[in-house]
Amino acid sequence: MSYGASIADAYRQVGIYAAQILKGERPADLPVIQAVKFDFVLNLSAAKALGLTLPDRVLALADEVIE
């Protein structure tokens, strides 16, 4: 089970930063942006190896399920 910042959203933020720098803004003047989108990932094979059963409600909440 993992809950962390969305990689796709991070790449989008990098693109926005790069565009601002290419338009002439100084990197030192750009604000630090924190992650706003998070992903909840479940690894079912690891859960089975540990002898855990996950409720259907938890599976439904996951953004990604690795089997």
PDB file of N, CA and C in Angstrom:
ATOM      1  N   MET A   1       0.842  -1.150   0.000  1.00  0.00           N
ATOM      2  CA  MET A   1       0.000   0.000   0.000  1.00  0.00           C
ATOM      3  C   MET A   1       0.899   1.229   0.000  1.00  0.00           C
ATOM      4  N   SER A   2       0.598   2.150  -0.871  1.00  0.00           N
ATOM      5  CA  SER A   2       1.413   3.354  -0.956  1.00  0.00           C
ATOM      6  C   SER A   2       0.525   4.548  -1.274  1.00  0.00           C
ATOM      7  N   TYR A   3       0.829   5.651  -0.651  1.00  0.00           N
ATOM      8  CA  TYR A   3       0.115   6.897  -0.885  1.00  0.00           C
ATOM      9  C   TYR A   3       1.176   7.961  -1.100  1.00  0.00           C
ATOM     10  N   GLY A   4       1.236   8.497  -2.316  1.00  0.00           N
ATOM     11  CA  GLY A   4       2.283   9.470  -2.610  1.00  0.00           C
ATOM     12  C   GLY A   4       1.895  10.423  -3.716  1.00  0.00           C
ATOM     13  N   ALA A   5       2.763  11.359  -3.978  1.00  0.00           N
ATOM     14  CA  ALA A   5       2.518  12.372  -4.998  1.00  0.00           C
ATOM     15  C   ALA A   5       2.396  11.730  -6.374  1.00  0.00           C
ATOM     16  N   SER A   6       1.510  12.248  -7.183  1.00  0.00           N
ATOM     17  CA  SER A   6       1.279  11.747  -8.530  1.00  0.00           C
ATOM     18  C   SER A   6       2.467  12.096  -9.435  1.00  0.00           C
ATOM     19  N   ILE A   7       3.041  11.087 -10.060  1.00  0.00           N
ATOM     20  CA  ILE A   7       4.174  11.311 -10.963  1.00  0.00           C
ATOM     21  C   ILE A   7       3.732  12.117 -12.189  1.00  0.00           C
ATOM     22  N   ALA A   8       2.556  11.808 -12.714  1.00  0.00           N
ATOM     23  CA  ALA A   8       2.056  12.537 -13.888  1.00  0.00           C
ATOM     24  C   ALA A   8       1.879  14.017 -13.572  1.00  0.00           C
ATOM     25  N   ASP A   9       1.377  14.317 -12.394  1.00  0.00           N
ATOM     26  CA  ASP A   9       1.199  15.712 -12.000  1.00  0.00           C
ATOM     27  C   ASP A   9       2.550  16.402 -11.820  1.00  0.00           C
ATOM     28  N   ALA A  10       3.533  15.670 -11.297  1.00  0.00           N
ATOM     29  CA  ALA A  10       4.875  16.244 -11.127  1.00  0.00           C
ATOM     30  C   ALA A  10       5.490  16.598 -12.482  1.00  0.00           C
ATOM     31  N   TYR A  11       5.303  15.727 -13.477  1.00  0.00           N
ATOM     32  CA  TYR A  11       5.817  16.016 -14.823  1.00  0.00           C
ATOM     33  C   TYR A  11       5.129  17.252 -15.413  1.00  0.00           C
ATOM     34  N   ARG A  12       3.846  17.404 -15.140  1.00  0.00           N
ATOM     35  CA  ARG A  12       3.121  18.577 -15.632  1.00  0.00           C
ATOM     36  C   ARG A  12       3.695  19.840 -14.994  1.00  0.00           C
ATOM     37  N   GLN A  13       4.001  19.783 -13.695  1.00  0.00           N
ATOM     38  CA  GLN A  13       4.577  20.931 -13.008  1.00  0.00           C
ATOM     39  C   GLN A  13       5.956  21.280 -13.565  1.00  0.00           C
ATOM     40  N   VAL A  14       6.751  20.252 -13.910  1.00  0.00           N
ATOM     41  CA  VAL A  14       8.074  20.498 -14.506  1.00  0.00           C
ATOM     42  C   VAL A  14       7.922  21.225 -15.834  1.00  0.00           C
ATOM     43  N   GLY A  15       6.919  20.827 -16.615  1.00  0.00           N
ATOM     44  CA  GLY A  15       6.661  21.498 -17.894  1.00  0.00           C
ATOM     45  C   GLY A  15       6.299  22.954 -17.713  1.00  0.00           C
ATOM     46  N   ILE A  16       5.503  23.232 -16.697  1.00  0.00           N
ATOM     47  CA  ILE A  16       5.118  24.623 -16.419  1.00  0.00           C
ATOM     48  C   ILE A  16       6.346  25.435 -16.011  1.00  0.00           C
ATOM     49  N   TYR A  17       7.190  24.864 -15.158  1.00  0.00           N
ATOM     50  CA  TYR A  17       8.423  25.555 -14.744  1.00  0.00           C
ATOM     51  C   TYR A  17       9.321  25.819 -15.949  1.00  0.00           C
ATOM     52  N   ALA A  18       9.503  24.806 -16.789  1.00  0.00           N
ATOM     53  CA  ALA A  18      10.369  24.953 -17.963  1.00  0.00           C
ATOM     54  C   ALA A  18       9.844  26.052 -18.881  1.00  0.00           C
ATOM     55  N   ALA A  19       8.533  26.106 -19.088  1.00  0.00           N
ATOM     56  CA  ALA A  19       7.945  27.139 -19.943  1.00  0.00           C
ATOM     57  C   ALA A  19       8.197  28.524 -19.371  1.00  0.00           C
ATOM     58  N   GLN A  20       8.070  28.674 -18.061  1.00  0.00           N
ATOM     59  CA  GLN A  20       8.302  29.979 -17.446  1.00  0.00           C
ATOM     60  C   GLN A  20       9.760  30.399 -17.583  1.00  0.00           C
ATOM     61  N   ILE A  21      10.676  29.457 -17.431  1.00  0.00           N
ATOM     62  CA  ILE A  21      12.106  29.773 -17.566  1.00  0.00           C
ATOM     63  C   ILE A  21      12.434  30.138 -19.008  1.00  0.00           C
ATOM     64  N   LEU A  22      11.867  29.402 -19.957  1.00  0.00           N
ATOM     65  CA  LEU A  22      12.117  29.694 -21.365  1.00  0.00           C
ATOM     66  C   LEU A  22      11.525  31.036 -21.787  1.00  0.00           C
ATOM     67  N   LYS A  23      10.506  31.491 -21.073  1.00  0.00           N
ATOM     68  CA  LYS A  23       9.915  32.804 -21.362  1.00  0.00           C
ATOM     69  C   LYS A  23      10.708  33.938 -20.725  1.00  0.00           C
ATOM     70  N   GLY A  24      11.775  33.597 -19.965  1.00  0.00           N
ATOM     71  CA  GLY A  24      12.658  34.620 -19.440  1.00  0.00           C
ATOM     72  C   GLY A  24      12.622  34.837 -17.940  1.00  0.00           C
ATOM     73  N   GLU A  25      11.779  34.106 -17.232  1.00  0.00           N
ATOM     74  CA  GLU A  25      11.754  34.286 -15.778  1.00  0.00           C
ATOM     75  C   GLU A  25      12.993  33.662 -15.149  1.00  0.00           C
ATOM     76  N   ARG A  26      13.447  34.268 -14.068  1.00  0.00           N
ATOM     77  CA  ARG A  26      14.601  33.721 -13.360  1.00  0.00           C
ATOM     78  C   ARG A  26      14.148  32.566 -12.479  1.00  0.00           C
ATOM     79  N   PRO A  27      14.879  31.446 -12.485  1.00  0.00           N
ATOM     80  CA  PRO A  27      14.499  30.308 -11.636  1.00  0.00           C
ATOM     81  C   PRO A  27      14.429  30.666 -10.150  1.00  0.00           C
ATOM     82  N   ALA A  28      15.262  31.575  -9.709  1.00  0.00           N
ATOM     83  CA  ALA A  28      15.262  31.968  -8.297  1.00  0.00           C
ATOM     84  C   ALA A  28      13.982  32.703  -7.906  1.00  0.00           C
ATOM     85  N   ASP A  29      13.299  33.295  -8.891  1.00  0.00           N
ATOM     86  CA  ASP A  29      12.072  34.043  -8.607  1.00  0.00           C
ATOM     87  C   ASP A  29      10.821  33.173  -8.649  1.00  0.00           C
ATOM     88  N   LEU A  30      10.939  31.935  -9.124  1.00  0.00           N
ATOM     89  CA  LEU A  30       9.774  31.062  -9.228  1.00  0.00           C
ATOM     90  C   LEU A  30       9.422  30.475  -7.866  1.00  0.00           C
ATOM     91  N   PRO A  31       8.139  30.374  -7.573  1.00  0.00           N
ATOM     92  CA  PRO A  31       7.730  29.818  -6.279  1.00  0.00           C
ATOM     93  C   PRO A  31       7.905  28.298  -6.252  1.00  0.00           C
ATOM     94  N   VAL A  32       8.054  27.773  -5.063  1.00  0.00           N
ATOM     95  CA  VAL A  32       8.109  26.326  -4.878  1.00  0.00           C
ATOM     96  C   VAL A  32       6.670  25.822  -4.868  1.00  0.00           C
ATOM     97  N   ILE A  33       6.400  24.838  -5.707  1.00  0.00           N
ATOM     98  CA  ILE A  33       5.044  24.301  -5.798  1.00  0.00           C
ATOM     99  C   ILE A  33       5.016  22.927  -5.143  1.00  0.00           C
ATOM    100  N   GLN A  34       4.081  22.748  -4.226  1.00  0.00           N
ATOM    101  CA  GLN A  34       3.924  21.458  -3.567  1.00  0.00           C
ATOM    102  C   GLN A  34       2.919  20.616  -4.336  1.00  0.00           C
ATOM    103  N   ALA A  35       3.031  19.316  -4.166  1.00  0.00           N
ATOM    104  CA  ALA A  35       2.113  18.395  -4.827  1.00  0.00           C
ATOM    105  C   ALA A  35       0.690  18.642  -4.341  1.00  0.00           C
ATOM    106  N   VAL A  36      -0.254  18.573  -5.280  1.00  0.00           N
ATOM    107  CA  VAL A  36      -1.662  18.745  -4.925  1.00  0.00           C
ATOM    108  C   VAL A  36      -2.474  17.491  -5.248  1.00  0.00           C
ATOM    109  N   LYS A  37      -1.909  16.601  -6.067  1.00  0.00           N
ATOM    110  CA  LYS A  37      -2.604  15.369  -6.422  1.00  0.00           C
ATOM    111  C   LYS A  37      -1.790  14.188  -5.911  1.00  0.00           C
ATOM    112  N   PHE A  38      -2.457  13.276  -5.239  1.00  0.00           N
ATOM    113  CA  PHE A  38      -1.798  12.111  -4.673  1.00  0.00           C
ATOM    114  C   PHE A  38      -2.460  10.840  -5.189  1.00  0.00           C
ATOM    115  N   ASP A  39      -1.663   9.783  -5.338  1.00  0.00           N
ATOM    116  CA  ASP A  39      -2.156   8.495  -5.811  1.00  0.00           C
ATOM    117  C   ASP A  39      -2.095   7.468  -4.684  1.00  0.00           C
ATOM    118  N   PHE A  40      -3.104   6.610  -4.641  1.00  0.00           N
ATOM    119  CA  PHE A  40      -3.173   5.508  -3.688  1.00  0.00           C
ATOM    120  C   PHE A  40      -2.999   4.223  -4.490  1.00  0.00           C
ATOM    121  N   VAL A  41      -1.902   3.504  -4.245  1.00  0.00           N
ATOM    122  CA  VAL A  41      -1.551   2.312  -5.022  1.00  0.00           C
ATOM    123  C   VAL A  41      -1.535   1.096  -4.106  1.00  0.00           C
ATOM    124  N   LEU A  42      -2.156   0.016  -4.571  1.00  0.00           N
ATOM    125  CA  LEU A  42      -2.177  -1.246  -3.835  1.00  0.00           C
ATOM    126  C   LEU A  42      -1.450  -2.318  -4.630  1.00  0.00           C
ATOM    127  N   ASN A  43      -0.647  -3.126  -3.943  1.00  0.00           N
ATOM    128  CA  ASN A  43       0.042  -4.248  -4.564  1.00  0.00           C
ATOM    129  C   ASN A  43      -0.589  -5.518  -4.005  1.00  0.00           C
ATOM    130  N   LEU A  44      -1.453  -6.156  -4.818  1.00  0.00           N
ATOM    131  CA  LEU A  44      -2.181  -7.328  -4.343  1.00  0.00           C
ATOM    132  C   LEU A  44      -1.283  -8.546  -4.154  1.00  0.00           C
ATOM    133  N   SER A  45      -0.262  -8.690  -4.993  1.00  0.00           N
ATOM    134  CA  SER A  45       0.617  -9.851  -4.841  1.00  0.00           C
ATOM    135  C   SER A  45       1.404  -9.767  -3.530  1.00  0.00           C
ATOM    136  N   ALA A  46       1.820  -8.576  -3.140  1.00  0.00           N
ATOM    137  CA  ALA A  46       2.516  -8.410  -1.860  1.00  0.00           C
ATOM    138  C   ALA A  46       1.559  -8.658  -0.693  1.00  0.00           C
ATOM    139  N   ALA A  47       0.327  -8.198  -0.838  1.00  0.00           N
ATOM    140  CA  ALA A  47      -0.658  -8.421   0.218  1.00  0.00           C
ATOM    141  C   ALA A  47      -0.934  -9.910   0.391  1.00  0.00           C
ATOM    142  N   LYS A  48      -1.047 -10.630  -0.724  1.00  0.00           N
ATOM    143  CA  LYS A  48      -1.280 -12.075  -0.651  1.00  0.00           C
ATOM    144  C   LYS A  48      -0.086 -12.793  -0.040  1.00  0.00           C
ATOM    145  N   ALA A  49       1.128 -12.348  -0.365  1.00  0.00           N
ATOM    146  CA  ALA A  49       2.335 -12.957   0.200  1.00  0.00           C
ATOM    147  C   ALA A  49       2.406 -12.766   1.718  1.00  0.00           C
ATOM    148  N   LEU A  50       1.841 -11.673   2.196  1.00  0.00           N
ATOM    149  CA  LEU A  50       1.805 -11.405   3.632  1.00  0.00           C
ATOM    150  C   LEU A  50       0.587 -12.026   4.309  1.00  0.00           C
ATOM    151  N   GLY A  51      -0.285 -12.629   3.502  1.00  0.00           N
ATOM    152  CA  GLY A  51      -1.484 -13.253   4.047  1.00  0.00           C
ATOM    153  C   GLY A  51      -2.589 -12.273   4.380  1.00  0.00           C
ATOM    154  N   LEU A  52      -2.579 -11.134   3.720  1.00  0.00           N
ATOM    155  CA  LEU A  52      -3.592 -10.111   3.975  1.00  0.00           C
ATOM    156  C   LEU A  52      -4.691 -10.175   2.922  1.00  0.00           C
ATOM    157  N   THR A  53      -5.910  -9.940   3.347  1.00  0.00           N
ATOM    158  CA  THR A  53      -7.016  -9.780   2.408  1.00  0.00           C
ATOM    159  C   THR A  53      -7.529  -8.356   2.548  1.00  0.00           C
ATOM    160  N   LEU A  54      -7.667  -7.700   1.422  1.00  0.00           N
ATOM    161  CA  LEU A  54      -8.098  -6.308   1.436  1.00  0.00           C
ATOM    162  C   LEU A  54      -9.586  -6.227   1.120  1.00  0.00           C
ATOM    163  N   PRO A  55     -10.326  -5.451   1.880  1.00  0.00           N
ATOM    164  CA  PRO A  55     -11.758  -5.299   1.622  1.00  0.00           C
ATOM    165  C   PRO A  55     -12.004  -4.655   0.257  1.00  0.00           C
ATOM    166  N   ASP A  56     -13.163  -4.953  -0.318  1.00  0.00           N
ATOM    167  CA  ASP A  56     -13.518  -4.386  -1.619  1.00  0.00           C
ATOM    168  C   ASP A  56     -13.565  -2.865  -1.577  1.00  0.00           C
ATOM    169  N   ARG A  57     -13.927  -2.311  -0.455  1.00  0.00           N
ATOM    170  CA  ARG A  57     -13.988  -0.844  -0.307  1.00  0.00           C
ATOM    171  C   ARG A  57     -12.600  -0.227  -0.494  1.00  0.00           C
ATOM    172  N   VAL A  58     -11.582  -0.863   0.055  1.00  0.00           N
ATOM    173  CA  VAL A  58     -10.209  -0.356  -0.086  1.00  0.00           C
ATOM    174  C   VAL A  58      -9.762  -0.485  -1.548  1.00  0.00           C
ATOM    175  N   LEU A  59     -10.094  -1.599  -2.180  1.00  0.00           N
ATOM    176  CA  LEU A  59      -9.744  -1.788  -3.588  1.00  0.00           C
ATOM    177  C   LEU A  59     -10.426  -0.740  -4.467  1.00  0.00           C
ATOM    178  N   ALA A  60     -11.652  -0.373  -4.132  1.00  0.00           N
ATOM    179  CA  ALA A  60     -12.382   0.622  -4.912  1.00  0.00           C
ATOM    180  C   ALA A  60     -11.776   2.016  -4.756  1.00  0.00           C
ATOM    181  N   LEU A  61     -11.163   2.295  -3.623  1.00  0.00           N
ATOM    182  CA  LEU A  61     -10.566   3.608  -3.387  1.00  0.00           C
ATOM    183  C   LEU A  61      -9.206   3.785  -4.072  1.00  0.00           C
ATOM    184  N   ALA A  62      -8.565   2.696  -4.442  1.00  0.00           N
ATOM    185  CA  ALA A  62      -7.213   2.760  -5.002  1.00  0.00           C
ATOM    186  C   ALA A  62      -7.224   3.383  -6.396  1.00  0.00           C
ATOM    187  N   ASP A  63      -6.222   4.219  -6.657  1.00  0.00           N
ATOM    188  CA  ASP A  63      -6.039   4.795  -7.992  1.00  0.00           C
ATOM    189  C   ASP A  63      -5.422   3.756  -8.940  1.00  0.00           C
ATOM    190  N   GLU A  64      -4.595   2.877  -8.391  1.00  0.00           N
ATOM    191  CA  GLU A  64      -3.948   1.838  -9.191  1.00  0.00           C
ATOM    192  C   GLU A  64      -3.825   0.584  -8.335  1.00  0.00           C
ATOM    193  N   VAL A  65      -4.137  -0.571  -8.946  1.00  0.00           N
ATOM    194  CA  VAL A  65      -3.999  -1.852  -8.271  1.00  0.00           C
ATOM    195  C   VAL A  65      -3.025  -2.700  -9.073  1.00  0.00           C
ATOM    196  N   ILE A  66      -1.937  -3.111  -8.430  1.00  0.00           N
ATOM    197  CA  ILE A  66      -0.940  -3.964  -9.056  1.00  0.00           C
ATOM    198  C   ILE A  66      -1.245  -5.396  -8.667  1.00  0.00           C
ATOM    199  N   GLU A  67      -1.404  -6.246  -9.672  1.00  0.00           N
ATOM    200  CA  GLU A  67      -1.762  -7.639  -9.373  1.00  0.00           C
ATOM    201  C   GLU A  67      -0.602  -8.566  -9.486  1.00  0.00           C
TER     202      GLU A  67
END
